[in-house]
N, C-alpha and C. Protein backbone atom coordinates (compact mmCIF):
# COMPACT_ATOMS: atom_id res chain seq x y z
N MET A 1 178.17 58.44 79.73
CA MET A 1 177.19 57.81 80.93
C MET A 1 176.91 59.09 81.15
N LYS A 2 177.59 60.44 81.45
CA LYS A 2 176.87 61.68 81.75
C LYS A 2 175.67 61.97 81.22
N LYS A 3 175.46 62.21 80.38
CA LYS A 3 174.71 62.21 78.79
C LYS A 3 172.99 61.35 79.55
N ARG A 4 174.02 60.31 80.02
CA ARG A 4 172.74 59.09 80.67
C ARG A 4 172.51 59.74 81.43
N SER A 5 173.32 60.04 82.70
CA SER A 5 172.28 61.11 84.01
C SER A 5 171.85 61.70 84.31
N LEU A 6 172.20 62.35 82.73
CA LEU A 6 171.48 64.21 82.62
C LEU A 6 169.60 63.82 82.37
N LEU A 7 169.57 62.54 80.81
CA LEU A 7 168.92 62.25 80.39
C LEU A 7 167.39 62.04 81.52
N LEU A 8 167.79 61.36 82.90
CA LEU A 8 167.37 60.29 83.45
C LEU A 8 166.80 61.41 84.53
N THR A 9 167.57 62.51 84.80
CA THR A 9 167.28 63.71 85.37
C THR A 9 166.18 64.11 85.19
N ARG A 10 166.17 64.28 83.36
CA ARG A 10 165.37 65.37 83.32
C ARG A 10 164.07 64.68 83.07
N GLY A 11 164.08 63.57 82.86
CA GLY A 11 162.96 62.66 82.40
C GLY A 11 162.07 62.85 84.61
N SER A 12 163.24 62.31 85.43
CA SER A 12 162.21 62.36 86.22
C SER A 12 161.98 63.68 86.56
N LEU A 13 162.28 64.84 86.83
CA LEU A 13 162.06 66.74 86.60
C LEU A 13 160.70 66.66 85.94
N ALA A 14 160.63 65.75 84.85
CA ALA A 14 159.05 65.85 84.07
C ALA A 14 158.46 65.34 84.79
N VAL A 15 158.71 64.40 85.16
CA VAL A 15 157.39 63.33 85.86
C VAL A 15 156.98 63.93 87.34
N LEU A 16 158.54 64.80 87.86
CA LEU A 16 157.42 65.62 89.22
C LEU A 16 156.78 66.55 88.73
N LEU A 17 157.12 67.10 87.60
CA LEU A 17 156.23 68.11 87.32
C LEU A 17 154.65 67.48 86.90
N VAL A 18 154.68 66.66 86.20
CA VAL A 18 153.40 66.46 85.93
C VAL A 18 152.56 65.63 87.00
N ILE A 19 153.56 65.08 88.25
CA ILE A 19 152.57 65.09 89.44
C ILE A 19 152.38 66.22 89.76
N ALA A 20 152.52 66.47 90.15
CA ALA A 20 152.88 68.49 90.95
C ALA A 20 151.20 69.64 90.50
N LEU A 21 151.91 69.50 89.26
CA LEU A 21 150.79 69.93 88.07
C LEU A 21 149.26 69.56 88.25
N SER A 22 148.84 67.66 88.46
CA SER A 22 148.27 66.63 88.86
C SER A 22 147.22 66.92 89.96
N VAL A 23 148.74 67.06 91.13
CA VAL A 23 147.59 67.66 92.17
C VAL A 23 147.27 68.82 92.46
N THR A 24 147.82 69.77 91.96
CA THR A 24 147.29 71.37 91.99
C THR A 24 145.97 71.32 91.03
N ALA A 25 145.25 70.81 89.93
CA ALA A 25 144.78 70.83 89.49
C ALA A 25 143.57 70.04 90.35
N PHE A 26 143.96 68.56 91.34
CA PHE A 26 143.17 68.64 91.80
C PHE A 26 142.27 68.88 92.53
N ILE A 27 143.18 69.60 93.87
CA ILE A 27 143.40 70.35 95.17
C ILE A 27 142.23 71.33 94.59
N GLY A 28 142.75 72.49 93.34
CA GLY A 28 141.53 73.81 92.79
C GLY A 28 140.35 72.66 92.42
N TRP A 29 140.14 71.85 91.50
CA TRP A 29 139.05 70.98 91.50
C TRP A 29 138.07 70.82 92.72
N LYS A 30 138.70 70.64 94.04
CA LYS A 30 137.78 69.94 94.51
C LYS A 30 137.54 70.91 96.12
N LEU A 31 138.19 72.31 96.46
CA LEU A 31 138.00 73.21 96.67
C LEU A 31 137.02 73.86 96.00
N SER A 32 136.56 73.84 94.67
CA SER A 32 135.88 74.84 93.50
C SER A 32 134.86 73.97 94.12
N ASN A 33 134.99 72.73 93.80
CA ASN A 33 133.86 72.22 94.30
C ASN A 33 132.85 71.92 95.71
N ASP A 34 133.51 72.66 96.06
CA ASP A 34 133.13 72.45 97.36
C ASP A 34 132.36 73.76 97.86
N GLN A 35 132.80 74.91 97.37
CA GLN A 35 132.32 76.34 97.35
C GLN A 35 130.89 76.34 96.62
N VAL A 36 130.81 75.02 95.48
CA VAL A 36 129.50 75.82 94.84
C VAL A 36 128.16 75.07 95.45
N VAL A 37 128.86 74.06 96.87
CA VAL A 37 128.19 73.48 97.19
C VAL A 37 127.15 74.28 97.75
N LYS A 38 125.42 74.33 97.59
CA LYS A 38 124.58 75.14 98.04
C LYS A 38 124.11 74.42 99.14
N ALA A 39 123.31 74.71 100.33
CA ALA A 39 122.65 73.91 101.15
C ALA A 39 121.07 74.35 100.52
N PRO A 40 120.50 73.20 101.11
CA PRO A 40 118.62 72.66 100.59
C PRO A 40 117.86 73.92 101.19
N ALA A 41 117.11 74.42 99.63
CA ALA A 41 116.32 76.16 99.81
C ALA A 41 115.91 75.71 101.54
N GLU A 42 115.23 74.29 101.75
CA GLU A 42 114.49 74.70 103.39
C GLU A 42 115.69 75.03 104.62
N ILE A 43 117.29 75.23 104.09
CA ILE A 43 117.85 75.17 105.05
C ILE A 43 118.74 76.39 104.80
N GLU A 44 118.33 76.90 103.97
CA GLU A 44 119.00 77.92 103.27
C GLU A 44 119.27 79.24 104.23
N ASP A 45 117.59 79.56 104.63
CA ASP A 45 117.66 81.03 105.74
C ASP A 45 117.96 80.77 106.67
N TYR A 46 118.49 80.06 107.24
CA TYR A 46 118.56 79.69 108.70
C TYR A 46 120.85 79.60 108.67
N LEU A 47 121.30 79.08 107.95
CA LEU A 47 122.14 79.33 107.69
C LEU A 47 123.45 80.78 107.84
N PHE A 48 124.45 80.44 107.96
CA PHE A 48 125.21 82.19 107.21
C PHE A 48 125.72 81.73 106.67
N TRP A 49 126.33 82.65 105.97
CA TRP A 49 126.81 82.60 104.91
C TRP A 49 128.15 81.43 104.35
N GLU A 50 129.19 82.21 105.22
CA GLU A 50 130.75 80.77 105.88
C GLU A 50 130.25 81.05 107.46
N ALA A 51 130.25 80.15 107.58
CA ALA A 51 130.46 79.40 109.05
C ALA A 51 131.95 80.54 109.95
N LYS A 52 131.58 80.82 110.87
CA LYS A 52 132.29 82.00 111.79
C LYS A 52 133.08 81.08 113.04
N GLU A 53 134.13 81.45 112.91
CA GLU A 53 135.33 81.12 114.18
C GLU A 53 135.38 82.06 115.02
N LEU A 54 135.02 81.43 116.27
CA LEU A 54 135.19 82.09 117.03
C LEU A 54 136.24 82.43 118.07
N THR A 55 137.08 82.86 118.67
CA THR A 55 138.34 83.70 119.17
C THR A 55 138.17 83.19 120.39
N ASP A 56 138.87 83.19 121.19
CA ASP A 56 138.88 82.71 122.35
C ASP A 56 137.98 84.19 123.36
N PHE A 57 137.57 82.34 124.57
CA PHE A 57 136.14 83.55 125.34
C PHE A 57 136.10 82.81 126.74
N LYS A 58 136.03 83.27 127.30
CA LYS A 58 135.64 82.60 128.95
C LYS A 58 134.35 83.23 129.30
N LEU A 59 133.62 82.18 129.66
CA LEU A 59 131.76 82.06 131.05
C LEU A 59 132.13 82.31 131.68
N THR A 60 131.25 81.98 132.91
CA THR A 60 131.43 81.60 133.93
C THR A 60 130.22 81.11 134.37
N ALA A 61 129.67 79.56 134.67
CA ALA A 61 128.50 78.83 134.77
C ALA A 61 128.72 78.38 136.69
N ALA A 62 127.82 77.52 137.04
CA ALA A 62 128.45 77.57 138.50
C ALA A 62 128.76 76.11 138.29
N ASP A 63 129.03 75.96 140.16
CA ASP A 63 130.20 74.82 140.45
C ASP A 63 131.40 74.74 139.73
N ASN A 64 132.06 76.17 139.62
CA ASN A 64 133.14 76.96 139.41
C ASN A 64 133.12 76.27 138.14
N ARG A 65 132.77 75.66 136.78
CA ARG A 65 132.43 75.25 135.78
C ARG A 65 133.05 77.08 134.42
N THR A 66 133.74 76.69 133.57
CA THR A 66 134.08 77.77 132.76
C THR A 66 133.63 77.40 131.59
N LEU A 67 133.00 77.98 130.78
CA LEU A 67 132.54 77.68 129.24
C LEU A 67 133.30 78.77 128.08
N GLY A 68 134.36 77.67 127.46
CA GLY A 68 134.85 78.33 125.84
C GLY A 68 134.58 77.53 124.68
N PRO A 69 135.26 78.43 124.12
CA PRO A 69 136.06 77.88 122.73
C PRO A 69 135.98 75.85 122.93
N ASN A 70 136.47 75.44 123.97
CA ASN A 70 136.68 73.96 123.79
C ASN A 70 135.47 73.42 124.37
N GLU A 71 134.52 74.42 125.39
CA GLU A 71 133.19 73.29 125.46
C GLU A 71 132.30 73.39 124.68
N LEU A 72 132.84 74.33 123.44
CA LEU A 72 131.39 74.60 122.15
C LEU A 72 132.45 73.10 121.22
N LYS A 73 133.16 72.79 121.26
CA LYS A 73 133.52 71.65 120.08
C LYS A 73 132.57 70.22 120.77
N GLY A 74 132.69 69.66 119.29
CA GLY A 74 132.18 68.33 119.34
C GLY A 74 131.00 68.03 119.88
N LYS A 75 130.12 69.20 120.05
CA LYS A 75 129.08 69.87 119.93
C LYS A 75 128.15 70.97 119.24
N TRP A 76 127.10 70.18 119.09
CA TRP A 76 126.17 71.75 118.58
C TRP A 76 125.59 71.82 119.62
N SER A 77 125.71 73.35 119.42
CA SER A 77 125.58 74.94 120.94
C SER A 77 124.03 75.14 120.44
N PHE A 78 123.34 75.53 121.39
CA PHE A 78 122.30 75.90 120.79
C PHE A 78 122.60 77.10 121.78
N ILE A 79 122.64 78.24 121.63
CA ILE A 79 123.26 79.61 122.15
C ILE A 79 122.04 80.74 122.63
N PHE A 80 121.38 81.17 123.66
CA PHE A 80 120.67 82.26 123.27
C PHE A 80 120.75 82.83 124.14
N PHE A 81 120.68 84.61 124.33
CA PHE A 81 120.73 85.32 124.78
C PHE A 81 119.49 86.19 125.94
N GLY A 82 120.03 86.44 127.41
CA GLY A 82 118.92 86.96 127.67
C GLY A 82 119.54 87.44 129.15
N TYR A 83 117.92 87.20 130.20
CA TYR A 83 118.55 87.68 131.89
C TYR A 83 117.09 86.54 131.81
N THR A 84 117.75 86.72 132.91
CA THR A 84 116.08 86.15 134.43
C THR A 84 115.53 86.42 135.03
N HIS A 85 115.32 88.32 135.02
CA HIS A 85 114.60 88.43 135.00
C HIS A 85 113.55 89.05 133.90
N CYS A 86 113.78 88.84 132.89
CA CYS A 86 112.93 88.99 131.73
C CYS A 86 111.27 88.66 132.04
N PRO A 87 111.18 89.55 131.96
CA PRO A 87 109.28 89.69 131.87
C PRO A 87 108.76 88.49 130.91
N ASP A 88 109.12 88.21 129.66
CA ASP A 88 108.47 87.54 128.73
C ASP A 88 108.98 86.68 127.62
N VAL A 89 110.30 87.07 126.69
CA VAL A 89 111.03 86.85 125.64
C VAL A 89 111.61 85.45 126.01
N CYS A 90 112.52 86.00 127.31
CA CYS A 90 113.37 84.58 127.61
C CYS A 90 112.62 83.50 128.06
N PRO A 91 111.71 83.81 129.18
CA PRO A 91 111.10 82.44 129.82
C PRO A 91 110.46 82.06 128.55
N LEU A 92 109.45 82.41 127.50
CA LEU A 92 109.26 81.71 126.09
C LEU A 92 109.98 81.07 125.46
N THR A 93 111.48 81.94 125.04
CA THR A 93 112.22 81.09 124.38
C THR A 93 112.31 80.19 124.97
N LEU A 94 113.20 79.88 126.09
CA LEU A 94 113.71 79.15 126.36
C LEU A 94 112.57 77.73 126.71
N MET A 95 111.00 78.49 126.65
CA MET A 95 110.37 76.66 126.81
C MET A 95 110.34 76.50 125.87
N VAL A 96 110.01 77.08 124.71
CA VAL A 96 110.44 76.79 122.71
C VAL A 96 111.49 75.79 122.84
N LEU A 97 112.89 76.43 123.31
CA LEU A 97 113.81 75.23 122.82
C LEU A 97 114.07 74.14 124.09
N GLY A 98 113.43 74.61 124.98
CA GLY A 98 113.05 73.09 125.83
C GLY A 98 112.03 71.94 125.00
N GLN A 99 110.78 72.43 124.40
CA GLN A 99 110.45 71.53 123.49
C GLN A 99 110.63 71.22 122.57
N ALA A 100 111.54 71.80 122.22
CA ALA A 100 112.71 71.01 120.79
C ALA A 100 113.84 69.82 121.06
N PHE A 101 113.99 69.97 122.55
CA PHE A 101 114.96 69.76 122.51
C PHE A 101 114.42 67.84 122.98
N LYS A 102 113.01 68.32 123.43
CA LYS A 102 112.26 67.12 123.72
C LYS A 102 112.62 66.01 122.17
N ILE A 103 111.92 66.78 121.68
CA ILE A 103 111.43 66.29 119.97
C ILE A 103 112.53 65.82 120.16
N LEU A 104 113.68 65.86 120.36
CA LEU A 104 115.49 65.82 119.83
C LEU A 104 115.67 64.33 120.41
N GLU A 105 115.43 64.43 121.65
CA GLU A 105 115.56 63.60 122.56
C GLU A 105 115.18 61.98 122.33
N LYS A 106 114.19 61.91 121.70
CA LYS A 106 113.63 60.83 120.65
C LYS A 106 114.64 60.21 119.90
N ASN A 107 115.44 61.31 119.03
CA ASN A 107 117.03 60.64 118.62
C ASN A 107 117.84 60.34 119.63
N PRO A 108 117.85 59.16 119.86
CA PRO A 108 119.12 58.54 120.76
C PRO A 108 120.94 59.02 119.80
N ALA A 109 120.79 58.94 118.83
CA ALA A 109 121.07 59.25 117.71
C ALA A 109 122.37 60.37 117.65
N VAL A 110 121.42 61.46 118.06
CA VAL A 110 121.04 62.57 117.78
C VAL A 110 121.59 63.30 119.16
N PHE A 111 120.62 63.11 119.94
CA PHE A 111 120.55 63.99 121.54
C PHE A 111 121.98 64.35 122.11
N PRO A 112 122.67 63.24 122.22
CA PRO A 112 124.21 63.79 123.14
C PRO A 112 124.69 64.55 122.38
N GLU A 113 124.62 64.89 121.06
CA GLU A 113 125.74 66.16 120.77
C GLU A 113 124.65 67.79 119.77
N VAL A 114 123.86 67.36 121.57
CA VAL A 114 123.28 68.88 121.27
C VAL A 114 122.95 68.78 122.91
N GLN A 115 123.56 70.69 122.86
CA GLN A 115 123.89 71.21 124.11
C GLN A 115 123.42 72.51 124.13
N GLY A 116 122.44 73.40 125.05
CA GLY A 116 121.70 74.16 125.27
C GLY A 116 122.87 75.46 126.49
N ILE A 117 122.62 76.60 125.79
CA ILE A 117 123.59 77.70 126.41
C ILE A 117 122.69 78.83 126.48
N PHE A 118 122.62 79.28 127.83
CA PHE A 118 122.12 80.61 128.21
C PHE A 118 122.85 81.84 128.77
N VAL A 119 123.03 82.38 127.58
CA VAL A 119 123.81 83.73 128.30
C VAL A 119 123.47 84.67 128.62
N SER A 120 123.66 84.80 129.98
CA SER A 120 122.76 86.50 131.21
C SER A 120 123.70 87.14 130.96
N VAL A 121 123.44 88.59 130.34
CA VAL A 121 123.70 89.62 130.04
C VAL A 121 123.32 90.57 131.25
N ASP A 122 122.98 89.93 131.91
CA ASP A 122 122.98 90.95 133.17
C ASP A 122 123.69 90.25 134.52
N PRO A 123 125.01 90.27 134.34
CA PRO A 123 125.66 89.69 135.38
C PRO A 123 125.64 90.70 137.15
N LYS A 124 124.85 91.85 137.07
CA LYS A 124 124.31 92.49 138.46
C LYS A 124 123.75 91.65 138.44
N ARG A 125 122.81 90.79 138.58
CA ARG A 125 121.71 90.43 139.28
C ARG A 125 121.28 88.62 139.06
N ASP A 126 122.28 88.05 138.16
CA ASP A 126 121.91 86.81 137.62
C ASP A 126 123.98 86.46 138.09
N THR A 127 123.99 85.63 139.31
CA THR A 127 125.21 84.62 139.25
C THR A 127 124.76 83.24 138.74
N PRO A 128 126.04 82.41 138.79
CA PRO A 128 126.14 80.88 138.26
C PRO A 128 124.94 80.52 138.57
N GLU A 129 125.51 80.31 139.62
CA GLU A 129 124.08 79.73 140.85
C GLU A 129 122.49 79.84 140.43
N SER A 130 122.21 80.85 140.31
CA SER A 130 120.85 81.28 140.64
C SER A 130 120.62 80.81 138.35
N LEU A 131 121.54 81.05 138.03
CA LEU A 131 121.29 80.98 136.20
C LEU A 131 120.83 79.10 136.57
N LYS A 132 121.60 79.04 136.89
CA LYS A 132 121.79 77.03 137.18
C LYS A 132 120.00 76.60 137.56
N GLU A 133 120.22 77.07 138.83
CA GLU A 133 118.48 77.35 138.99
C GLU A 133 117.37 77.28 137.95
N TYR A 134 117.87 78.60 137.36
CA TYR A 134 117.11 79.31 136.26
C TYR A 134 116.62 77.88 135.27
N VAL A 135 117.44 77.82 134.72
CA VAL A 135 117.62 77.10 133.14
C VAL A 135 117.37 75.15 133.32
N SER A 136 117.01 75.71 134.74
CA SER A 136 116.29 73.77 134.84
C SER A 136 115.56 74.00 134.76
N TYR A 137 114.38 74.61 134.57
CA TYR A 137 112.77 74.51 134.80
C TYR A 137 112.36 74.56 133.37
N PHE A 138 113.59 75.22 132.26
CA PHE A 138 113.21 74.72 131.01
C PHE A 138 113.97 73.16 130.50
N ASN A 139 114.69 72.59 131.03
CA ASN A 139 115.37 71.87 130.45
C ASN A 139 116.84 70.87 131.35
N GLY A 140 116.94 70.41 131.50
CA GLY A 140 117.74 69.80 132.75
C GLY A 140 119.09 69.45 132.24
N ARG A 141 119.26 69.49 130.75
CA ARG A 141 120.48 69.84 130.03
C ARG A 141 120.87 70.94 129.28
N PHE A 142 120.55 72.03 130.24
CA PHE A 142 120.22 73.51 129.95
C PHE A 142 121.81 74.11 131.07
N ILE A 143 123.11 75.26 130.58
CA ILE A 143 123.65 75.57 130.94
C ILE A 143 123.65 76.71 130.74
N GLY A 144 123.69 77.73 132.47
CA GLY A 144 123.44 78.68 132.91
C GLY A 144 125.27 79.85 132.82
N VAL A 145 124.95 80.78 132.10
CA VAL A 145 126.84 81.25 131.71
C VAL A 145 126.17 83.10 132.18
N THR A 146 127.85 82.89 132.44
CA THR A 146 127.29 85.22 131.86
C THR A 146 129.32 85.07 133.00
N GLY A 147 129.44 86.25 132.37
CA GLY A 147 130.20 86.73 133.20
C GLY A 147 130.83 88.18 133.09
N SER A 148 132.12 89.04 133.45
CA SER A 148 132.46 90.33 133.34
C SER A 148 131.44 91.20 131.64
N THR A 149 131.26 92.52 131.71
CA THR A 149 131.00 92.94 131.22
C THR A 149 132.17 92.87 130.14
N ALA A 150 132.70 93.23 129.89
CA ALA A 150 134.05 92.68 129.13
C ALA A 150 133.89 91.45 128.50
N GLU A 151 133.39 90.94 129.09
CA GLU A 151 133.56 88.75 128.71
C GLU A 151 132.34 89.11 127.74
N LEU A 152 131.26 89.49 128.18
CA LEU A 152 129.76 89.31 127.18
C LEU A 152 129.86 90.28 126.24
N ASP A 153 130.70 91.45 126.40
CA ASP A 153 130.72 92.64 125.25
C ASP A 153 131.51 91.21 124.13
N ASP A 154 132.68 91.19 124.71
CA ASP A 154 133.61 90.21 123.35
C ASP A 154 132.53 89.24 123.07
N PHE A 155 132.14 88.40 123.83
CA PHE A 155 131.11 86.82 123.70
C PHE A 155 130.10 87.12 122.29
N SER A 156 129.17 88.75 122.98
CA SER A 156 127.98 88.60 122.47
C SER A 156 128.69 89.44 121.00
N ARG A 157 130.01 90.18 120.62
CA ARG A 157 129.76 90.78 119.40
C ARG A 157 130.81 89.52 118.60
N GLN A 158 130.79 88.47 118.65
CA GLN A 158 131.49 87.49 117.64
C GLN A 158 130.01 87.06 117.20
N MET A 159 129.06 86.62 118.51
CA MET A 159 127.83 86.45 117.97
C MET A 159 127.21 87.22 116.89
N SER A 160 127.33 88.88 117.12
CA SER A 160 126.10 89.16 116.21
C SER A 160 124.77 89.46 116.61
N ALA A 161 124.76 89.50 118.63
CA ALA A 161 123.78 89.51 119.64
C ALA A 161 123.80 90.80 120.23
N MET A 162 123.21 91.37 120.06
CA MET A 162 123.22 93.00 120.64
C MET A 162 122.90 93.25 121.71
N TYR A 163 122.85 93.64 122.59
CA TYR A 163 121.93 93.56 123.98
C TYR A 163 122.51 95.54 124.44
N THR A 164 121.03 95.84 125.45
CA THR A 164 121.36 97.57 126.08
C THR A 164 120.88 96.93 127.41
N ILE A 165 121.75 97.49 128.47
CA ILE A 165 120.95 97.66 129.70
C ILE A 165 120.75 98.65 129.78
N HIS A 166 119.37 99.01 130.17
CA HIS A 166 118.56 100.23 130.57
C HIS A 166 118.88 101.03 131.71
N PRO A 167 119.15 102.41 131.70
CA PRO A 167 119.34 103.21 133.64
C PRO A 167 117.80 102.66 134.03
N LYS A 168 117.32 102.42 135.13
CA LYS A 168 116.32 102.43 136.12
C LYS A 168 116.12 103.93 136.15
N GLU A 169 114.52 103.38 136.44
CA GLU A 169 113.51 104.85 135.98
C GLU A 169 113.42 105.57 136.88
N ALA A 170 112.75 106.97 137.52
CA ALA A 170 113.37 107.47 137.93
C ALA A 170 111.45 107.37 139.38
N GLY A 171 112.38 106.57 141.01
CA GLY A 171 111.43 106.49 141.70
C GLY A 171 111.66 104.94 141.89
N GLN A 172 112.25 104.26 141.27
CA GLN A 172 112.10 102.73 140.79
C GLN A 172 113.34 102.26 142.09
N SER A 173 113.29 100.67 142.52
CA SER A 173 114.66 100.38 143.14
C SER A 173 115.94 100.04 142.01
N ASP A 174 117.05 99.93 142.15
CA ASP A 174 118.42 100.02 141.59
C ASP A 174 118.33 98.33 140.64
N ASP A 175 117.15 97.63 141.69
CA ASP A 175 116.85 96.08 140.98
C ASP A 175 115.86 96.25 139.72
N THR A 176 115.64 97.01 139.53
CA THR A 176 114.32 96.93 138.64
C THR A 176 114.52 97.60 136.93
N TYR A 177 115.44 98.18 136.96
CA TYR A 177 116.07 97.72 135.23
C TYR A 177 115.47 96.76 134.20
N LEU A 178 115.95 97.16 133.23
CA LEU A 178 114.96 96.23 132.02
C LEU A 178 116.05 96.22 131.45
N VAL A 179 116.57 95.05 130.32
CA VAL A 179 117.57 94.83 129.81
C VAL A 179 116.84 94.63 128.06
N THR A 180 116.96 95.61 127.14
CA THR A 180 117.17 95.13 125.50
C THR A 180 118.17 93.92 125.04
N HIS A 181 117.68 92.91 124.06
CA HIS A 181 118.42 91.99 124.00
C HIS A 181 117.86 91.35 122.53
N ASN A 182 119.14 90.36 121.69
CA ASN A 182 118.42 89.78 120.59
C ASN A 182 117.53 88.71 120.90
N SER A 183 116.47 88.14 120.18
CA SER A 183 116.36 87.24 120.58
C SER A 183 115.73 85.72 119.77
N THR A 184 117.17 85.98 119.17
CA THR A 184 117.89 85.04 118.03
C THR A 184 117.95 83.72 118.62
N VAL A 185 118.20 81.93 118.43
CA VAL A 185 118.80 81.49 119.46
C VAL A 185 119.88 81.08 117.74
N PHE A 186 121.52 81.34 118.08
CA PHE A 186 122.17 81.17 117.74
C PHE A 186 122.77 79.65 117.56
N LEU A 187 123.15 79.08 116.59
CA LEU A 187 124.10 77.67 116.80
C LEU A 187 125.25 77.41 116.30
N VAL A 188 126.34 77.09 117.16
CA VAL A 188 127.41 76.68 116.67
C VAL A 188 127.44 74.97 116.43
N ASP A 189 128.46 74.74 115.65
CA ASP A 189 128.54 73.61 114.98
C ASP A 189 129.62 72.77 115.85
N PRO A 190 129.88 71.63 115.99
CA PRO A 190 130.94 70.92 116.69
C PRO A 190 132.77 71.32 116.36
N GLN A 191 132.81 72.21 115.76
CA GLN A 191 134.11 72.48 115.09
C GLN A 191 133.74 74.12 116.09
N GLY A 192 133.02 74.50 116.69
CA GLY A 192 133.17 75.61 117.11
C GLY A 192 133.00 77.28 116.18
N ARG A 193 131.79 76.88 115.12
CA ARG A 193 132.13 77.84 115.11
C ARG A 193 130.44 78.09 114.70
N LEU A 194 130.08 79.68 114.73
CA LEU A 194 129.12 80.37 114.48
C LEU A 194 128.12 79.42 113.00
N HIS A 195 127.71 78.37 112.60
CA HIS A 195 126.60 78.65 111.89
C HIS A 195 125.68 78.46 111.30
N GLY A 196 124.84 79.20 112.02
CA GLY A 196 123.38 79.31 111.70
C GLY A 196 122.73 80.30 113.34
N ARG A 197 121.29 80.05 112.36
CA ARG A 197 120.42 80.60 114.06
C ARG A 197 118.71 80.58 113.54
N PHE A 198 118.54 80.84 114.62
CA PHE A 198 116.92 80.11 114.41
C PHE A 198 116.35 81.54 115.08
N PRO A 199 115.85 82.88 113.99
CA PRO A 199 115.00 83.91 113.96
C PRO A 199 113.69 83.35 114.70
N PRO A 200 113.33 84.72 115.56
CA PRO A 200 111.53 84.55 116.34
C PRO A 200 110.52 85.02 115.02
N PRO A 201 109.63 84.41 115.11
CA PRO A 201 108.85 84.18 116.74
C PRO A 201 109.47 82.26 115.55
N GLN A 202 109.85 81.36 117.10
CA GLN A 202 110.58 80.00 116.56
C GLN A 202 109.05 79.49 117.02
N THR A 203 109.03 77.47 116.86
CA THR A 203 108.08 76.82 117.55
C THR A 203 109.19 75.66 117.45
N PRO A 204 108.89 74.79 118.37
CA PRO A 204 109.69 73.30 118.72
C PRO A 204 109.94 72.95 117.38
N LYS A 205 109.01 72.22 117.05
CA LYS A 205 108.85 71.57 115.88
C LYS A 205 109.82 71.93 114.75
N GLU A 206 109.51 73.23 114.50
CA GLU A 206 110.38 74.04 113.63
C GLU A 206 112.21 74.32 113.63
N ILE A 207 112.34 74.44 114.94
CA ILE A 207 113.63 74.39 115.43
C ILE A 207 114.30 72.92 115.38
N ALA A 208 113.91 71.84 115.93
CA ALA A 208 113.32 70.24 115.72
C ALA A 208 113.98 69.85 114.29
N GLU A 209 113.27 70.62 113.67
CA GLU A 209 113.19 69.76 112.18
C GLU A 209 114.73 70.34 111.31
N VAL A 210 114.58 71.11 111.29
CA VAL A 210 115.50 72.77 110.70
C VAL A 210 116.84 72.38 111.66
N PHE A 211 117.06 72.07 112.46
CA PHE A 211 117.94 71.50 112.72
C PHE A 211 118.95 70.23 112.31
N MET A 212 117.90 68.95 112.18
CA MET A 212 117.75 67.36 111.87
C MET A 212 118.53 67.77 110.56
N LYS A 213 117.84 68.98 109.78
CA LYS A 213 118.51 68.76 108.31
C LYS A 213 120.24 69.60 108.02
N ILE A 214 120.38 70.23 109.22
CA ILE A 214 121.34 71.05 109.08
C ILE A 214 122.17 70.46 108.95
N ARG A 215 121.94 69.71 110.41
CA ARG A 215 123.35 68.33 110.86
C ARG A 215 123.00 67.31 109.86
N MET A 216 122.68 66.66 109.25
CA MET A 216 122.60 66.48 107.83
C MET A 216 122.96 66.64 106.98
N PHE A 217 123.05 68.01 106.22
CA PHE A 217 123.89 68.23 105.30
C PHE A 217 125.24 68.54 105.49
N TYR A 218 125.52 68.90 107.31
CA TYR A 218 126.73 69.41 107.52
C TYR A 218 127.75 67.98 107.65
N ASN A 219 126.83 67.06 108.01
CA ASN A 219 127.50 65.90 108.03
C ASN A 219 127.78 65.08 106.57
N GLU A 220 126.79 65.43 105.60
CA GLU A 220 127.31 64.90 103.86
C GLU A 220 128.35 65.75 103.47
N ARG A 221 128.58 67.28 103.96
CA ARG A 221 129.92 67.78 102.90
C ARG A 221 130.99 67.40 104.11
N SER A 222 131.17 66.90 105.23
CA SER A 222 132.37 66.64 105.68
C SER A 222 132.87 64.85 105.35
N ASN A 223 131.48 64.36 105.29
CA ASN A 223 131.97 62.81 105.08
C ASN A 223 132.75 63.51 103.27
N LYS A 224 131.92 64.13 102.23
CA LYS A 224 132.74 64.51 100.95
C LYS A 224 133.48 64.83 100.84
N ARG A 225 134.03 65.80 101.93
CA ARG A 225 135.67 66.41 101.75
C ARG A 225 136.44 65.78 102.21
N TRP A 226 136.62 64.70 103.32
CA TRP A 226 137.41 64.28 104.05
C TRP A 226 137.14 62.21 102.97
N GLY A 227 136.26 62.28 102.19
CA GLY A 227 136.33 60.71 101.63
C GLY A 227 136.98 60.59 100.55
N VAL A 228 137.58 61.52 100.41
CA VAL A 228 138.78 61.05 98.93
C VAL A 228 140.01 61.40 99.37
N PHE A 229 140.26 61.63 100.71
CA PHE A 229 141.46 61.48 101.27
C PHE A 229 142.08 60.14 101.71
């Protein structure tokens, strides 16, 4: 009787071992398959090699609203850094992005998924209230945010967005200084990860069409990853 029980135990262990090895092999195959999936050539240059998780941050918008990681999740976020006193790059880029949003607006299944965020790196002159008014000229769905120097430095480093506030020139007032900043539009995916970017110069059609392809590729990969479970 004991001998038979021992045989059954060994048989059960053998079955469990086979199952464990099969599961391990399947997971390895699945991960390997995910890693070799390449983006289509037409969007490859717009995507980062690997989506980057963003750590906790907090920026301030008008009406006592804040922007943090949770506000990025569930939507595609187009993020641009600049300042309202910018004489050229900022208004031009926001105009282009606003026109791209008008193109996306024609697709009712897609448009609710997107949001535009303008991050002012000039908190001395740009308040959350003035930012709200400024971005509304370009699109009513845009959000304007800013924060302390430390908060802006932390967030901009995570996004790989560089900026420099220059000292005022001799004989000029304290409010006439310039700010050098990145002119790239960054794309954060619905998981709140830095996913891609649109380098300058941009056109509304380019941004809209490339984004649609990025979104399609993202959804296809997500469905492939979870469809077998």
